[in-house]
PDB file of N, CA and C in Angstrom:
ATOM      1  N   MET A   1       0.820  -1.194   0.000  1.00  0.00           N
ATOM      2  CA  MET A   1       0.000   0.000   0.000  1.00  0.00           C
ATOM      3  C   MET A   1       0.860   1.252   0.000  1.00  0.00           C
ATOM      4  N   LYS A   2       1.960   1.232   0.734  1.00  0.00           N
ATOM      5  CA  LYS A   2       2.828   2.404   0.797  1.00  0.00           C
ATOM      6  C   LYS A   2       3.507   2.649  -0.550  1.00  0.00           C
ATOM      7  N   ALA A   3       3.870   1.590  -1.250  1.00  0.00           N
ATOM      8  CA  ALA A   3       4.492   1.749  -2.561  1.00  0.00           C
ATOM      9  C   ALA A   3       3.512   2.395  -3.537  1.00  0.00           C
ATOM     10  N   ARG A   4       2.258   1.991  -3.480  1.00  0.00           N
ATOM     11  CA  ARG A   4       1.237   2.595  -4.352  1.00  0.00           C
ATOM     12  C   ARG A   4       1.082   4.078  -4.042  1.00  0.00           C
ATOM     13  N   TRP A   5       1.127   4.443  -2.762  1.00  0.00           N
ATOM     14  CA  TRP A   5       1.015   5.838  -2.365  1.00  0.00           C
ATOM     15  C   TRP A   5       2.187   6.658  -2.908  1.00  0.00           C
ATOM     16  N   ILE A   6       3.387   6.147  -2.799  1.00  0.00           N
ATOM     17  CA  ILE A   6       4.567   6.857  -3.294  1.00  0.00           C
ATOM     18  C   ILE A   6       4.519   6.989  -4.813  1.00  0.00           C
ATOM     19  N   ILE A   7       4.126   5.938  -5.499  1.00  0.00           N
ATOM     20  CA  ILE A   7       4.005   5.998  -6.964  1.00  0.00           C
ATOM     21  C   ILE A   7       2.958   7.032  -7.364  1.00  0.00           C
ATOM     22  N   SER A   8       1.834   7.040  -6.681  1.00  0.00           N
ATOM     23  CA  SER A   8       0.785   8.012  -6.980  1.00  0.00           C
ATOM     24  C   SER A   8       1.265   9.436  -6.737  1.00  0.00           C
ATOM     25  N   LEU A   9       2.006   9.635  -5.680  1.00  0.00           N
ATOM     26  CA  LEU A   9       2.534  10.964  -5.370  1.00  0.00           C
ATOM     27  C   LEU A   9       3.535  11.427  -6.422  1.00  0.00           C
ATOM     28  N   VAL A  10       4.420  10.543  -6.828  1.00  0.00           N
ATOM     29  CA  VAL A  10       5.412  10.888  -7.856  1.00  0.00           C
ATOM     30  C   VAL A  10       4.727  11.169  -9.191  1.00  0.00           C
ATOM     31  N   VAL A  11       3.765  10.333  -9.562  1.00  0.00           N
ATOM     32  CA  VAL A  11       3.024  10.551 -10.809  1.00  0.00           C
ATOM     33  C   VAL A  11       2.281  11.881 -10.751  1.00  0.00           C
ATOM     34  N   SER A  12       1.693  12.194  -9.618  1.00  0.00           N
ATOM     35  CA  SER A  12       0.966  13.447  -9.447  1.00  0.00           C
ATOM     36  C   SER A  12       1.884  14.655  -9.606  1.00  0.00           C
ATOM     37  N   ILE A  13       3.053  14.598  -9.010  1.00  0.00           N
ATOM     38  CA  ILE A  13       4.010  15.704  -9.122  1.00  0.00           C
ATOM     39  C   ILE A  13       4.494  15.852 -10.554  1.00  0.00           C
ATOM     40  N   VAL A  14       4.853  14.750 -11.174  1.00  0.00           N
ATOM     41  CA  VAL A  14       5.366  14.804 -12.556  1.00  0.00           C
ATOM     42  C   VAL A  14       4.305  15.322 -13.521  1.00  0.00           C
ATOM     43  N   LEU A  15       3.087  14.795 -13.419  1.00  0.00           N
ATOM     44  CA  LEU A  15       2.019  15.263 -14.303  1.00  0.00           C
ATOM     45  C   LEU A  15       1.704  16.738 -14.064  1.00  0.00           C
ATOM     46  N   GLY A  16       1.676  17.139 -12.800  1.00  0.00           N
ATOM     47  CA  GLY A  16       1.426  18.545 -12.484  1.00  0.00           C
ATOM     48  C   GLY A  16       2.488  19.464 -13.057  1.00  0.00           C
ATOM     49  N   LEU A  17       3.749  19.050 -12.968  1.00  0.00           N
ATOM     50  CA  LEU A  17       4.837  19.859 -13.530  1.00  0.00           C
ATOM     51  C   LEU A  17       4.759  19.932 -15.054  1.00  0.00           C
ATOM     52  N   ILE A  18       4.438  18.825 -15.680  1.00  0.00           N
ATOM     53  CA  ILE A  18       4.319  18.815 -17.149  1.00  0.00           C
ATOM     54  C   ILE A  18       3.180  19.730 -17.592  1.00  0.00           C
ATOM     55  N   ILE A  19       2.052  19.626 -16.919  1.00  0.00           N
ATOM     56  CA  ILE A  19       0.901  20.458 -17.274  1.00  0.00           C
ATOM     57  C   ILE A  19       1.210  21.933 -17.031  1.00  0.00           C
ATOM     58  N   ALA A  20       1.888  22.240 -15.934  1.00  0.00           N
ATOM     59  CA  ALA A  20       2.251  23.634 -15.649  1.00  0.00           C
ATOM     60  C   ALA A  20       3.222  24.176 -16.690  1.00  0.00           C
ATOM     61  N   LYS A  21       4.151  23.348 -17.127  1.00  0.00           N
ATOM     62  CA  LYS A  21       5.099  23.768 -18.170  1.00  0.00           C
ATOM     63  C   LYS A  21       4.364  24.082 -19.474  1.00  0.00           C
ATOM     64  N   ILE A  22       3.413  23.222 -19.828  1.00  0.00           N
ATOM     65  CA  ILE A  22       2.614  23.465 -21.032  1.00  0.00           C
ATOM     66  C   ILE A  22       1.780  24.740 -20.861  1.00  0.00           C
ATOM     67  N   ASP A  23       1.146  24.877 -19.703  1.00  0.00           N
ATOM     68  CA  ASP A  23       0.254  26.008 -19.453  1.00  0.00           C
ATOM     69  C   ASP A  23       0.979  27.345 -19.492  1.00  0.00           C
ATOM     70  N   THR A  24       2.214  27.382 -19.049  1.00  0.00           N
ATOM     71  CA  THR A  24       2.955  28.644 -19.011  1.00  0.00           C
ATOM     72  C   THR A  24       3.805  28.854 -20.259  1.00  0.00           C
ATOM     73  N   GLY A  25       3.615  28.022 -21.265  1.00  0.00           N
ATOM     74  CA  GLY A  25       4.348  28.178 -22.523  1.00  0.00           C
ATOM     75  C   GLY A  25       3.967  29.475 -23.224  1.00  0.00           C
ATOM     76  N   PRO A  26       4.834  29.969 -24.078  1.00  0.00           N
ATOM     77  CA  PRO A  26       4.610  31.274 -24.712  1.00  0.00           C
ATOM     78  C   PRO A  26       3.426  31.310 -25.676  1.00  0.00           C
ATOM     79  N   HIS A  27       3.064  30.202 -26.275  1.00  0.00           N
ATOM     80  CA  HIS A  27       1.991  30.205 -27.257  1.00  0.00           C
ATOM     81  C   HIS A  27       0.745  29.465 -26.764  1.00  0.00           C
ATOM     82  N   TRP A  28       0.660  29.200 -25.489  1.00  0.00           N
ATOM     83  CA  TRP A  28      -0.485  28.480 -24.932  1.00  0.00           C
ATOM     84  C   TRP A  28      -1.441  29.487 -24.308  1.00  0.00           C
ATOM     85  N   ASP A  29      -2.670  29.482 -24.772  1.00  0.00           N
ATOM     86  CA  ASP A  29      -3.666  30.403 -24.236  1.00  0.00           C
ATOM     87  C   ASP A  29      -5.016  29.708 -24.140  1.00  0.00           C
ATOM     88  N   ASP A  30      -5.022  28.533 -23.550  1.00  0.00           N
ATOM     89  CA  ASP A  30      -6.267  27.786 -23.424  1.00  0.00           C
ATOM     90  C   ASP A  30      -6.381  27.228 -22.014  1.00  0.00           C
ATOM     91  N   ALA A  31      -6.947  28.034 -21.134  1.00  0.00           N
ATOM     92  CA  ALA A  31      -7.067  27.639 -19.731  1.00  0.00           C
ATOM     93  C   ALA A  31      -8.001  26.453 -19.557  1.00  0.00           C
ATOM     94  N   GLY A  32      -9.000  26.328 -20.417  1.00  0.00           N
ATOM     95  CA  GLY A  32      -9.940  25.212 -20.302  1.00  0.00           C
ATOM     96  C   GLY A  32      -9.276  23.864 -20.488  1.00  0.00           C
ATOM     97  N   ILE A  33      -8.406  23.777 -21.472  1.00  0.00           N
ATOM     98  CA  ILE A  33      -7.672  22.520 -21.703  1.00  0.00           C
ATOM     99  C   ILE A  33      -6.752  22.223 -20.515  1.00  0.00           C
ATOM    100  N   SER A  34      -6.102  23.248 -19.990  1.00  0.00           N
ATOM    101  CA  SER A  34      -5.231  23.054 -18.829  1.00  0.00           C
ATOM    102  C   SER A  34      -6.025  22.540 -17.633  1.00  0.00           C
ATOM    103  N   MET A  35      -7.225  23.073 -17.427  1.00  0.00           N
ATOM    104  CA  MET A  35      -8.047  22.636 -16.305  1.00  0.00           C
ATOM    105  C   MET A  35      -8.502  21.181 -16.495  1.00  0.00           C
ATOM    106  N   ILE A  36      -8.825  20.812 -17.721  1.00  0.00           N
ATOM    107  CA  ILE A  36      -9.209  19.420 -17.994  1.00  0.00           C
ATOM    108  C   ILE A  36      -8.024  18.485 -17.743  1.00  0.00           C
ATOM    109  N   MET A  37      -6.830  18.916 -18.140  1.00  0.00           N
ATOM    110  CA  MET A  37      -5.646  18.079 -17.902  1.00  0.00           C
ATOM    111  C   MET A  37      -5.375  17.932 -16.407  1.00  0.00           C
ATOM    112  N   ILE A  38      -5.496  19.019 -15.642  1.00  0.00           N
ATOM    113  CA  ILE A  38      -5.295  18.952 -14.186  1.00  0.00           C
ATOM    114  C   ILE A  38      -6.356  18.054 -13.550  1.00  0.00           C
ATOM    115  N   PHE A  39      -7.607  18.233 -13.956  1.00  0.00           N
ATOM    116  CA  PHE A  39      -8.690  17.405 -13.426  1.00  0.00           C
ATOM    117  C   PHE A  39      -8.422  15.925 -13.701  1.00  0.00           C
ATOM    118  N   SER A  40      -8.036  15.605 -14.932  1.00  0.00           N
ATOM    119  CA  SER A  40      -7.798  14.206 -15.317  1.00  0.00           C
ATOM    120  C   SER A  40      -6.619  13.605 -14.558  1.00  0.00           C
ATOM    121  N   ALA A  41      -5.545  14.358 -14.425  1.00  0.00           N
ATOM    122  CA  ALA A  41      -4.376  13.858 -13.698  1.00  0.00           C
ATOM    123  C   ALA A  41      -4.707  13.634 -12.226  1.00  0.00           C
ATOM    124  N   ALA A  42      -5.426  14.566 -11.623  1.00  0.00           N
ATOM    125  CA  ALA A  42      -5.794  14.418 -10.214  1.00  0.00           C
ATOM    126  C   ALA A  42      -6.782  13.277 -10.023  1.00  0.00           C
ATOM    127  N   LEU A  43      -7.691  13.095 -10.981  1.00  0.00           N
ATOM    128  CA  LEU A  43      -8.643  11.984 -10.920  1.00  0.00           C
ATOM    129  C   LEU A  43      -7.904  10.650 -10.942  1.00  0.00           C
ATOM    130  N   LEU A  44      -6.957  10.517 -11.845  1.00  0.00           N
ATOM    131  CA  LEU A  44      -6.169   9.286 -11.952  1.00  0.00           C
ATOM    132  C   LEU A  44      -5.390   9.025 -10.672  1.00  0.00           C
ATOM    133  N   CYS A  45      -4.704  10.026 -10.181  1.00  0.00           N
ATOM    134  CA  CYS A  45      -3.888   9.831  -8.977  1.00  0.00           C
ATOM    135  C   CYS A  45      -4.747   9.660  -7.729  1.00  0.00           C
ATOM    136  N   GLY A  46      -5.905  10.315  -7.677  1.00  0.00           N
ATOM    137  CA  GLY A  46      -6.830  10.104  -6.563  1.00  0.00           C
ATOM    138  C   GLY A  46      -7.397   8.693  -6.568  1.00  0.00           C
ATOM    139  N   TYR A  47      -7.598   8.149  -7.758  1.00  0.00           N
ATOM    140  CA  TYR A  47      -8.066   6.766  -7.871  1.00  0.00           C
ATOM    141  C   TYR A  47      -6.975   5.777  -7.453  1.00  0.00           C
ATOM    142  N   LEU A  48      -5.735   6.073  -7.833  1.00  0.00           N
ATOM    143  CA  LEU A  48      -4.626   5.180  -7.486  1.00  0.00           C
ATOM    144  C   LEU A  48      -4.357   5.160  -5.990  1.00  0.00           C
ATOM    145  N   SER A  49      -4.537   6.298  -5.349  1.00  0.00           N
ATOM    146  CA  SER A  49      -4.273   6.391  -3.924  1.00  0.00           C
ATOM    147  C   SER A  49      -5.396   7.162  -3.241  1.00  0.00           C
ATOM    148  N   PRO A  50      -6.477   6.472  -2.871  1.00  0.00           N
ATOM    149  CA  PRO A  50      -7.659   7.175  -2.355  1.00  0.00           C
ATOM    150  C   PRO A  50      -7.581   7.602  -0.895  1.00  0.00           C
ATOM    151  N   SER A  51      -6.521   7.258  -0.196  1.00  0.00           N
ATOM    152  CA  SER A  51      -6.490   7.535   1.240  1.00  0.00           C
ATOM    153  C   SER A  51      -6.307   9.014   1.564  1.00  0.00           C
ATOM    154  N   LYS A  52      -5.552   9.757   0.766  1.00  0.00           N
ATOM    155  CA  LYS A  52      -5.305  11.171   1.047  1.00  0.00           C
ATOM    156  C   LYS A  52      -5.457  12.003  -0.230  1.00  0.00           C
ATOM    157  N   PRO A  53      -6.689  12.217  -0.669  1.00  0.00           N
ATOM    158  CA  PRO A  53      -6.875  12.929  -1.934  1.00  0.00           C
ATOM    159  C   PRO A  53      -6.464  14.389  -1.883  1.00  0.00           C
ATOM    160  N   TRP A  54      -6.469  15.000  -0.709  1.00  0.00           N
ATOM    161  CA  TRP A  54      -6.082  16.408  -0.640  1.00  0.00           C
ATOM    162  C   TRP A  54      -4.602  16.588  -0.923  1.00  0.00           C
ATOM    163  N   ILE A  55      -3.774  15.622  -0.562  1.00  0.00           N
ATOM    164  CA  ILE A  55      -2.342  15.714  -0.870  1.00  0.00           C
ATOM    165  C   ILE A  55      -2.126  15.530  -2.367  1.00  0.00           C
ATOM    166  N   VAL A  56      -2.854  14.599  -2.957  1.00  0.00           N
ATOM    167  CA  VAL A  56      -2.774  14.393  -4.404  1.00  0.00           C
ATOM    168  C   VAL A  56      -3.185  15.669  -5.138  1.00  0.00           C
ATOM    169  N   ALA A  57      -4.261  16.300  -4.690  1.00  0.00           N
ATOM    170  CA  ALA A  57      -4.732  17.528  -5.334  1.00  0.00           C
ATOM    171  C   ALA A  57      -3.691  18.643  -5.245  1.00  0.00           C
ATOM    172  N   LEU A  58      -3.074  18.782  -4.106  1.00  0.00           N
ATOM    173  CA  LEU A  58      -2.054  19.828  -3.953  1.00  0.00           C
ATOM    174  C   LEU A  58      -0.814  19.541  -4.788  1.00  0.00           C
ATOM    175  N   THR A  59      -0.355  18.299  -4.772  1.00  0.00           N
ATOM    176  CA  THR A  59       0.867  17.992  -5.518  1.00  0.00           C
ATOM    177  C   THR A  59       0.654  18.053  -7.018  1.00  0.00           C
ATOM    178  N   CYS A  60      -0.569  17.874  -7.454  1.00  0.00           N
ATOM    179  CA  CYS A  60      -0.864  17.941  -8.884  1.00  0.00           C
ATOM    180  C   CYS A  60      -1.200  19.365  -9.328  1.00  0.00           C
ATOM    181  N   GLY A  61      -1.941  20.101  -8.511  1.00  0.00           N
ATOM    182  CA  GLY A  61      -2.467  21.382  -8.947  1.00  0.00           C
ATOM    183  C   GLY A  61      -1.705  22.621  -8.534  1.00  0.00           C
ATOM    184  N   ILE A  62      -0.740  22.507  -7.654  1.00  0.00           N
ATOM    185  CA  ILE A  62      -0.071  23.702  -7.139  1.00  0.00           C
ATOM    186  C   ILE A  62       0.932  24.305  -8.118  1.00  0.00           C
ATOM    187  N   TRP A  63       1.356  23.529  -9.101  1.00  0.00           N
ATOM    188  CA  TRP A  63       2.430  23.989  -9.985  1.00  0.00           C
ATOM    189  C   TRP A  63       2.010  25.113 -10.909  1.00  0.00           C
ATOM    190  N   ILE A  64       0.792  25.085 -11.420  1.00  0.00           N
ATOM    191  CA  ILE A  64       0.328  26.171 -12.289  1.00  0.00           C
ATOM    192  C   ILE A  64       0.300  27.494 -11.528  1.00  0.00           C
ATOM    193  N   PRO A  65      -0.289  27.558 -10.323  1.00  0.00           N
ATOM    194  CA  PRO A  65      -0.220  28.831  -9.602  1.00  0.00           C
ATOM    195  C   PRO A  65       1.211  29.269  -9.275  1.00  0.00           C
ATOM    196  N   LEU A  66       2.050  28.332  -8.881  1.00  0.00           N
ATOM    197  CA  LEU A  66       3.429  28.711  -8.560  1.00  0.00           C
ATOM    198  C   LEU A  66       4.158  29.279  -9.773  1.00  0.00           C
ATOM    199  N   PHE A  67       4.042  28.601 -10.904  1.00  0.00           N
ATOM    200  CA  PHE A  67       4.698  29.094 -12.115  1.00  0.00           C
ATOM    201  C   PHE A  67       4.167  30.465 -12.512  1.00  0.00           C
ATOM    202  N   ASN A  68       2.828  30.640 -12.465  1.00  0.00           N
ATOM    203  CA  ASN A  68       2.234  31.902 -12.887  1.00  0.00           C
ATOM    204  C   ASN A  68       2.514  33.042 -11.915  1.00  0.00           C
ATOM    205  N   ILE A  69       2.589  32.758 -10.641  1.00  0.00           N
ATOM    206  CA  ILE A  69       2.915  33.799  -9.672  1.00  0.00           C
ATOM    207  C   ILE A  69       4.361  34.233  -9.832  1.00  0.00           C
ATOM    208  N   LEU A  70       5.258  33.281 -10.016  1.00  0.00           N
ATOM    209  CA  LEU A  70       6.666  33.632 -10.193  1.00  0.00           C
ATOM    210  C   LEU A  70       6.918  34.355 -11.506  1.00  0.00           C
ATOM    211  N   ARG A  71       6.196  33.980 -12.568  1.00  0.00           N
ATOM    212  CA  ARG A  71       6.400  34.602 -13.876  1.00  0.00           C
ATOM    213  C   ARG A  71       5.744  35.964 -14.004  1.00  0.00           C
ATOM    214  N   SER A  72       4.480  36.065 -13.569  1.00  0.00           N
ATOM    215  CA  SER A  72       3.745  37.291 -13.878  1.00  0.00           C
ATOM    216  C   SER A  72       2.844  37.784 -12.742  1.00  0.00           C
ATOM    217  N   SER A  73       3.072  37.338 -11.533  1.00  0.00           N
ATOM    218  CA  SER A  73       2.265  37.738 -10.372  1.00  0.00           C
ATOM    219  C   SER A  73       0.771  37.538 -10.610  1.00  0.00           C
ATOM    220  N   ASN A  74       0.423  36.436 -11.245  1.00  0.00           N
ATOM    221  CA  ASN A  74      -0.971  36.117 -11.553  1.00  0.00           C
ATOM    222  C   ASN A  74      -1.540  35.248 -10.435  1.00  0.00           C
ATOM    223  N   TYR A  75      -2.153  35.889  -9.448  1.00  0.00           N
ATOM    224  CA  TYR A  75      -2.697  35.161  -8.308  1.00  0.00           C
ATOM    225  C   TYR A  75      -4.039  34.503  -8.631  1.00  0.00           C
ATOM    226  N   GLY A  76      -4.652  34.888  -9.720  1.00  0.00           N
ATOM    227  CA  GLY A  76      -5.893  34.260 -10.150  1.00  0.00           C
ATOM    228  C   GLY A  76      -5.709  32.817 -10.579  1.00  0.00           C
ATOM    229  N   SER A  77      -4.476  32.443 -10.823  1.00  0.00           N
ATOM    230  CA  SER A  77      -4.210  31.074 -11.247  1.00  0.00           C
ATOM    231  C   SER A  77      -4.390  30.064 -10.109  1.00  0.00           C
ATOM    232  N   PHE A  78      -4.639  30.545  -8.899  1.00  0.00           N
ATOM    233  CA  PHE A  78      -4.959  29.619  -7.809  1.00  0.00           C
ATOM    234  C   PHE A  78      -6.255  28.860  -8.093  1.00  0.00           C
ATOM    235  N   LEU A  79      -7.027  29.346  -9.063  1.00  0.00           N
ATOM    236  CA  LEU A  79      -8.243  28.631  -9.453  1.00  0.00           C
ATOM    237  C   LEU A  79      -7.930  27.262 -10.055  1.00  0.00           C
ATOM    238  N   ALA A  80      -6.696  27.034 -10.433  1.00  0.00           N
ATOM    239  CA  ALA A  80      -6.303  25.720 -10.955  1.00  0.00           C
ATOM    240  C   ALA A  80      -6.414  24.644  -9.881  1.00  0.00           C
ATOM    241  N   LEU A  81      -6.444  25.054  -8.626  1.00  0.00           N
ATOM    242  CA  LEU A  81      -6.578  24.074  -7.550  1.00  0.00           C
ATOM    243  C   LEU A  81      -7.998  23.502  -7.468  1.00  0.00           C
ATOM    244  N   VAL A  82      -8.980  24.235  -7.976  1.00  0.00           N
ATOM    245  CA  VAL A  82     -10.370  23.761  -7.907  1.00  0.00           C
ATOM    246  C   VAL A  82     -10.549  22.450  -8.673  1.00  0.00           C
ATOM    247  N   PRO A  83     -10.191  22.384  -9.971  1.00  0.00           N
ATOM    248  CA  PRO A  83     -10.355  21.091 -10.648  1.00  0.00           C
ATOM    249  C   PRO A  83      -9.428  20.008 -10.090  1.00  0.00           C
ATOM    250  N   ALA A  84      -8.305  20.398  -9.522  1.00  0.00           N
ATOM    251  CA  ALA A  84      -7.405  19.408  -8.914  1.00  0.00           C
ATOM    252  C   ALA A  84      -8.081  18.750  -7.714  1.00  0.00           C
ATOM    253  N   PHE A  85      -8.704  19.559  -6.863  1.00  0.00           N
ATOM    254  CA  PHE A  85      -9.386  18.997  -5.698  1.00  0.00           C
ATOM    255  C   PHE A  85     -10.617  18.188  -6.101  1.00  0.00           C
ATOM    256  N   ILE A  86     -11.378  18.699  -7.056  1.00  0.00           N
ATOM    257  CA  ILE A  86     -12.555  17.960  -7.517  1.00  0.00           C
ATOM    258  C   ILE A  86     -12.139  16.613  -8.108  1.00  0.00           C
ATOM    259  N   GLY A  87     -11.107  16.619  -8.940  1.00  0.00           N
ATOM    260  CA  GLY A  87     -10.641  15.379  -9.556  1.00  0.00           C
ATOM    261  C   GLY A  87     -10.102  14.384  -8.547  1.00  0.00           C
ATOM    262  N   ALA A  88      -9.287  14.851  -7.605  1.00  0.00           N
ATOM    263  CA  ALA A  88      -8.696  13.943  -6.619  1.00  0.00           C
ATOM    264  C   ALA A  88      -9.761  13.326  -5.717  1.00  0.00           C
ATOM    265  N   PHE A  89     -10.698  14.145  -5.263  1.00  0.00           N
ATOM    266  CA  PHE A  89     -11.739  13.606  -4.385  1.00  0.00           C
ATOM    267  C   PHE A  89     -12.715  12.718  -5.155  1.00  0.00           C
ATOM    268  N   LEU A  90     -12.986  13.049  -6.413  1.00  0.00           N
ATOM    269  CA  LEU A  90     -13.837  12.184  -7.227  1.00  0.00           C
ATOM    270  C   LEU A  90     -13.154  10.843  -7.491  1.00  0.00           C
ATOM    271  N   GLY A  91     -11.854  10.863  -7.772  1.00  0.00           N
ATOM    272  CA  GLY A  91     -11.112   9.617  -7.958  1.00  0.00           C
ATOM    273  C   GLY A  91     -11.115   8.765  -6.712  1.00  0.00           C
ATOM    274  N   SER A  92     -10.939   9.402  -5.558  1.00  0.00           N
ATOM    275  CA  SER A  92     -10.975   8.681  -4.286  1.00  0.00           C
ATOM    276  C   SER A  92     -12.357   8.087  -4.034  1.00  0.00           C
ATOM    277  N   PHE A  93     -13.393   8.866  -4.337  1.00  0.00           N
ATOM    278  CA  PHE A  93     -14.768   8.388  -4.166  1.00  0.00           C
ATOM    279  C   PHE A  93     -15.057   7.209  -5.090  1.00  0.00           C
ATOM    280  N   LEU A  94     -14.622   7.313  -6.344  1.00  0.00           N
ATOM    281  CA  LEU A  94     -14.855   6.214  -7.284  1.00  0.00           C
ATOM    282  C   LEU A  94     -14.151   4.941  -6.846  1.00  0.00           C
ATOM    283  N   LYS A  95     -12.921   5.068  -6.377  1.00  0.00           N
ATOM    284  CA  LYS A  95     -12.172   3.888  -5.904  1.00  0.00           C
ATOM    285  C   LYS A  95     -12.875   3.238  -4.723  1.00  0.00           C
ATOM    286  N   SER A  96     -13.301   4.039  -3.756  1.00  0.00           N
ATOM    287  CA  SER A  96     -13.940   3.439  -2.590  1.00  0.00           C
ATOM    288  C   SER A  96     -15.302   2.851  -2.950  1.00  0.00           C
ATOM    289  N   THR A  97     -16.032   3.473  -3.864  1.00  0.00           N
ATOM    290  CA  THR A  97     -17.325   2.950  -4.274  1.00  0.00           C
ATOM    291  C   THR A  97     -17.165   1.648  -5.060  1.00  0.00           C
ATOM    292  N   LEU A  98     -16.224   1.637  -5.982  1.00  0.00           N
ATOM    293  CA  LEU A  98     -16.020   0.417  -6.782  1.00  0.00           C
ATOM    294  C   LEU A  98     -15.470  -0.721  -5.942  1.00  0.00           C
ATOM    295  N   SER A  99     -14.644  -0.421  -4.940  1.00  0.00           N
ATOM    296  CA  SER A  99     -14.116  -1.507  -4.106  1.00  0.00           C
ATOM    297  C   SER A  99     -15.200  -2.083  -3.207  1.00  0.00           C
ATOM    298  N   ARG A 100     -16.198  -1.284  -2.822  1.00  0.00           N
ATOM    299  CA  ARG A 100     -17.306  -1.819  -2.038  1.00  0.00           C
ATOM    300  C   ARG A 100     -18.235  -2.690  -2.864  1.00  0.00           C
ATOM    301  N   LEU A 101     -18.319  -2.413  -4.172  1.00  0.00           N
ATOM    302  CA  LEU A 101     -19.182  -3.204  -5.038  1.00  0.00           C
ATOM    303  C   LEU A 101     -18.603  -4.591  -5.325  1.00  0.00           C
ATOM    304  N   ASN A 102     -17.296  -4.723  -5.273  1.00  0.00           N
ATOM    305  CA  ASN A 102     -16.658  -6.010  -5.570  1.00  0.00           C
ATOM    306  C   ASN A 102     -16.608  -6.904  -4.411  1.00  0.00           C
TER     307      ASN A 102
END
């Protein structure tokens, strides 16, 4: 169980960093796609490790606000945490619901 948690955490950090790098690229101007990518990554990692979805949400979603605050003082980018939390908690809920059905 601990190995799954560590793998989920590493995957969450890596996916979050990749998405943040794409989002802060010079020719990227599509916040909706970025939010869908954050939601999907957090959903996957929340499903893989349902015990602490809030940590998964933070490790996946915090990179976009950090990059944007450091680059351009854009504090509105903290809204990227909303789909991260929704995705992580939904993934955790789906895992616990599906495991009860089996």
